[in-house]
């Protein structure tokens, strides 16, 4: 199937494969949207929910397989929404990306692996809840710049960092408790701490 554009409130549940042909596989520009049970591949972005002004809300991306894209699932200016129970892999850059004021979202129960950049990128976003994801074999497991909650995830076998906090202010604290880091003893860094 060809790419899909959703520009009004809609629930779309299917089982088709979408070849994005180097573009956007599913392009969402409206609030109140559910996208479920799709397979999306070969795009610059597999599933992209965004607006150029204001914010979108109440978007649910659930039970999809998204692979072989530059970026898998992207929220731009999306709030109070959910990315849950998806399989996101083989992206050249990010598996899941929340950016430009995509605050207060839930990223839960996803399996995110083998992405060339970040498994999850939280680019300038805050108050997102990252919970019970399996994030492995990415360059960086989770890349974060602002305050977010990261709990009960399996974050392991990422090549550079499990979580990288690139916040520009010294007061940026990331609450990342109760995660599994690939060993019962917790994360390991062979370099001595300063």
Protein backbone atom coordinates (compact mmCIF):
# COMPACT_ATOMS: atom_id res chain seq x y z
CA UNK A 1 0.00 0.00 0.00
CA UNK A 2 0.99 3.62 -0.47
CA UNK A 3 1.52 6.13 2.38
CA UNK A 4 -1.50 7.33 4.39
CA UNK A 5 -2.37 10.92 5.38
CA UNK A 6 -4.67 11.42 8.41
CA UNK A 7 -5.85 15.03 8.71
CA UNK A 8 -9.01 14.59 10.82
CA UNK A 9 -9.97 12.61 13.95
CA UNK A 10 -9.93 8.93 12.96
CA UNK A 11 -9.41 5.40 14.24
CA UNK A 12 -7.56 3.32 11.71
CA UNK A 13 -6.97 -0.34 12.52
CA UNK A 14 -5.59 -2.58 9.85
CA UNK A 15 -3.08 -5.21 8.97
CA UNK A 16 -1.53 -3.91 5.75
CA UNK A 17 2.10 -3.33 4.92
CA UNK A 18 2.94 0.25 3.96
CA UNK A 19 6.04 0.88 1.86
CA UNK A 20 6.76 4.57 2.46
CA UNK A 21 8.92 4.75 -0.70
CA UNK A 22 11.40 7.12 0.99
CA UNK A 23 8.71 9.47 2.34
CA UNK A 24 6.41 9.37 5.37
CA UNK A 25 4.50 6.11 5.82
CA UNK A 26 1.63 7.40 7.98
CA UNK A 27 1.37 11.19 8.27
CA UNK A 28 -0.87 12.44 11.14
CA UNK A 29 -1.81 16.13 11.35
CA UNK A 30 -4.92 15.92 13.57
CA UNK A 31 -5.70 15.21 17.22
CA UNK A 32 -7.85 12.26 18.35
CA UNK A 33 -6.24 9.60 16.15
CA UNK A 34 -5.62 5.88 16.70
CA UNK A 35 -3.22 3.97 14.42
CA UNK A 36 -3.06 0.25 15.15
CA UNK A 37 -1.72 -2.97 13.59
CA UNK A 38 0.25 -1.55 10.65
CA UNK A 39 3.65 -2.52 9.29
CA UNK A 40 5.52 0.53 7.95
CA UNK A 41 8.94 0.45 6.28
CA UNK A 42 11.33 2.20 3.83
CA UNK A 43 10.56 5.79 4.85
CA UNK A 44 12.24 8.92 6.11
CA UNK A 45 9.70 8.57 8.94
CA UNK A 46 7.53 5.50 9.48
CA UNK A 47 4.74 7.16 11.53
CA UNK A 48 4.82 10.95 11.94
CA UNK A 49 2.36 12.92 14.13
CA UNK A 50 3.04 16.65 13.89
CA UNK A 51 1.79 20.20 13.55
CA UNK A 52 3.58 23.43 12.69
CA UNK A 53 1.60 25.49 15.21
CA UNK A 54 -0.19 24.71 18.46
CA UNK A 55 -0.21 21.09 19.60
CA UNK A 56 -1.92 17.83 18.78
CA UNK A 57 -3.25 15.53 21.52
CA UNK A 58 -4.96 12.20 22.16
CA UNK A 59 -2.97 10.28 19.56
CA UNK A 60 -2.38 6.57 20.10
CA UNK A 61 0.18 4.60 18.08
CA UNK A 62 -0.34 0.96 19.12
CA UNK A 63 0.69 -2.56 18.05
CA UNK A 64 2.59 -1.50 14.92
CA UNK A 65 5.79 -2.83 13.38
CA UNK A 66 7.99 0.00 12.10
CA UNK A 67 11.34 -0.81 10.53
CA UNK A 68 13.98 0.21 7.98
CA UNK A 69 13.20 3.95 8.17
CA UNK A 70 15.41 6.93 8.92
CA UNK A 71 13.23 7.56 12.01
CA UNK A 72 10.62 5.07 13.17
CA UNK A 73 7.89 6.93 15.11
CA UNK A 74 8.07 10.72 15.57
CA UNK A 75 5.92 13.11 17.63
CA UNK A 76 6.42 16.84 16.98
CA UNK A 77 4.31 19.20 19.14
CA UNK A 78 2.18 16.32 20.43
CA UNK A 79 0.94 16.13 24.04
CA UNK A 80 -1.12 13.74 26.17
CA UNK A 81 -0.65 10.86 23.75
CA UNK A 82 0.57 7.25 23.72
CA UNK A 83 3.12 5.17 21.84
CA UNK A 84 2.57 1.64 23.10
CA UNK A 85 3.33 -1.98 22.28
CA UNK A 86 5.14 -1.29 19.00
CA UNK A 87 8.14 -3.03 17.47
CA UNK A 88 10.59 -0.41 16.17
CA UNK A 89 13.89 -1.47 14.64
CA UNK A 90 16.52 -0.96 11.95
CA UNK A 91 16.08 2.83 11.74
CA UNK A 92 19.22 4.61 10.59
CA UNK A 93 18.72 7.40 13.16
CA UNK A 94 16.10 7.15 15.93
CA UNK A 95 13.59 4.45 16.75
CA UNK A 96 11.15 6.73 18.60
CA UNK A 97 11.59 10.50 18.72
CA UNK A 98 9.63 13.06 20.74
CA UNK A 99 10.62 16.64 19.98
CA UNK A 100 9.54 20.29 19.80
CA UNK A 101 7.34 20.49 22.90
CA UNK A 102 6.02 16.93 22.79
CA UNK A 103 5.42 16.91 26.54
CA UNK A 104 3.34 14.69 28.81
CA UNK A 105 3.27 11.59 26.60
CA UNK A 106 3.51 7.88 27.48
CA UNK A 107 5.99 5.60 25.71
CA UNK A 108 5.23 2.14 27.07
CA UNK A 109 5.73 -1.57 26.35
CA UNK A 110 7.65 -1.05 23.09
CA UNK A 111 10.45 -3.25 21.78
CA UNK A 112 13.08 -0.91 20.30
CA UNK A 113 16.30 -2.31 18.86
CA UNK A 114 19.05 -2.06 16.28
CA UNK A 115 18.59 1.64 15.52
CA UNK A 116 21.68 3.52 14.31
CA UNK A 117 21.15 6.47 16.68
CA UNK A 118 18.87 6.56 19.70
CA UNK A 119 16.37 3.91 20.68
CA UNK A 120 14.30 6.75 22.15
CA UNK A 121 15.18 10.43 21.64
CA UNK A 122 13.57 12.98 23.97
CA UNK A 123 14.70 16.10 22.15
CA UNK A 124 13.84 19.15 24.24
CA UNK A 125 10.71 17.53 25.67
CA UNK A 126 9.71 17.03 29.30
CA UNK A 127 7.30 15.25 31.60
CA UNK A 128 7.13 12.17 29.38
CA UNK A 129 6.71 8.75 30.98
CA UNK A 130 8.98 6.03 29.54
CA UNK A 131 7.85 2.73 31.06
CA UNK A 132 8.46 -1.01 30.52
CA UNK A 133 10.17 -0.78 27.14
CA UNK A 134 12.86 -3.20 25.94
CA UNK A 135 15.61 -0.98 24.48
CA UNK A 136 18.73 -2.69 23.17
CA UNK A 137 21.42 -2.78 20.47
CA UNK A 138 21.02 0.91 19.58
CA UNK A 139 23.85 3.44 19.64
CA UNK A 140 22.23 5.19 22.63
CA UNK A 141 19.34 3.60 24.50
CA UNK A 142 17.59 6.83 25.56
CA UNK A 143 18.81 10.35 24.77
CA UNK A 144 17.27 13.04 26.96
CA UNK A 145 17.63 16.82 27.43
CA UNK A 146 14.96 17.71 30.02
CA UNK A 147 13.13 16.26 33.02
CA UNK A 148 11.40 12.96 32.15
CA UNK A 149 10.42 9.80 34.04
CA UNK A 150 12.15 6.58 32.91
CA UNK A 151 11.16 3.47 34.89
CA UNK A 152 11.02 -0.35 34.70
CA UNK A 153 12.64 -0.51 31.26
CA UNK A 154 15.16 -3.08 30.05
CA UNK A 155 18.03 -0.90 28.80
CA UNK A 156 20.89 -3.12 27.72
CA UNK A 157 23.55 -3.81 25.08
CA UNK A 158 23.46 -0.31 23.60
CA UNK A 159 26.86 0.50 22.10
CA UNK A 160 27.51 4.01 23.52
CA UNK A 161 25.22 4.75 26.50
CA UNK A 162 22.13 3.30 28.14
CA UNK A 163 20.84 6.80 28.92
CA UNK A 164 22.59 9.99 27.87
CA UNK A 165 21.50 13.20 29.60
CA UNK A 166 22.45 16.10 27.31
CA UNK A 167 20.59 18.71 29.34
CA UNK A 168 22.28 22.10 29.06
CA UNK A 169 21.40 23.17 32.57
CA UNK A 170 23.05 21.54 35.59
CA UNK A 171 19.59 21.30 37.19
CA UNK A 172 18.24 18.83 34.58
CA UNK A 173 17.54 15.68 36.55
CA UNK A 174 16.26 12.55 34.90
CA UNK A 175 14.39 10.17 37.18
CA UNK A 176 15.53 6.76 35.89
CA UNK A 177 14.84 4.27 38.68
CA UNK A 178 13.94 0.58 38.65
CA UNK A 179 15.38 -0.05 35.19
CA UNK A 180 17.28 -3.22 34.29
CA UNK A 181 20.69 -2.44 32.79
CA UNK A 182 21.74 -5.85 31.52
CA UNK A 183 23.08 -7.06 34.86
CA UNK A 184 21.62 -7.51 38.31
CA UNK A 185 24.35 -5.23 39.70
CA UNK A 186 23.18 -2.30 37.56
CA UNK A 187 24.91 -0.28 34.84
CA UNK A 188 28.66 -0.59 34.38
CA UNK A 189 31.09 2.03 33.19
CA UNK A 190 34.77 1.03 33.13
CA UNK A 191 35.91 4.68 33.32
CA UNK A 192 36.54 6.07 36.82
CA UNK A 193 34.13 8.76 38.00
CA UNK A 194 35.55 12.25 38.54
